[in-house]
Amino acid sequence: MTTPEAEQSQAPRPEERLEQAVRAAEQALIEYEIAVETFRVEVENFSRLHEQRLGPLYARIEVLDAEIAEARAARTGDPEDIRRAEEARARILPIPGVEELLHGWMDGHGLFPEAAAMLTDQAVRPPERIRPSEEARKLYRELARKAHPDLVQDEEERQRREEFLTRVNAAYARGDETLLKELAEEWAAGPVPPERRPSPAEELYARLEWLAQRKELLTLVARELEEGAIAGMLRLAPDDPDGLLEEIAARLRADIAQREAELAALLEQA
């Protein structure tokens, strides 16, 4: 016979079912991530093989197309044929001196302001010299004295002060008096109280929500991979992708032979 106390100790905790749901969702997500990553690697490997084996053949076809267009234009002298020949050649020629031309004009974020100004016929102005007002200097000195990290021993408080002073320094460097006043008010209000720790049930619900969002993101990645041209080719021959590449290469080589014959005929007529 069990006592009420023993029955109560054996009763499931309120969070137990949530914990089981989280563990099941985590395991399912792991399996799904493995499947998506495996598919991504497969697509990338096939894409690399596609480029290695077929890239030179596609490039040869483009060169032949340009040479055929040029030979035809030389034979006919037609302005339209000449235009087509120039366009075909432009598609395979690199733009000379691009890196040298753009050096000092742009970086990964785009054109520098000076370059953009010159390209748009705007006057190029030197950067403005920041002159903080007397009030900004006063606010900066007060904040630097009050919030200096060396005034405290606690490591967490030191870090908070260092981060705060970084913001103060940035505002002062821009001469932003308004922001310095806001920072002074923020410092006067004191540190933000620590947030309330969520309950175990709230943490579990949050974990489930994150798992669902992660699954949704992976679904988008998988869909993008599946809708790509390389994945479409893989679906044509999932068991023999190498054979598919060889089949395509054979067709491309036949196209090359046909173009080479056409080019030879045009050159004979010249």
Foldseek 3Di string as FASTA:
>chain_A
DDDPVVVVVPDDDPCPVLVVVLVVLVVVLVVLVVVLVVLVVVLVVLVVVLCVQCVVLVLLLLVLVLLLLVLVCVVPVDPVSVVVSVVSVVVNDDDPPPCVVCVVQADPVGGDPQNVCVVVVHDRDDDDQDDADPLLVVLLVVLCVVLQLVVDDDPVSSVVSVVLNVVSVVCVRNSPNVVSVVSVVVVVVPDDDDDDDDDPNVVSVVSVVVSVVSVVVSVVSSVVSCPDPSVVLCVVPVPCSVVSSVVVSVVSVVVSVVSVVSSVVSVVVD
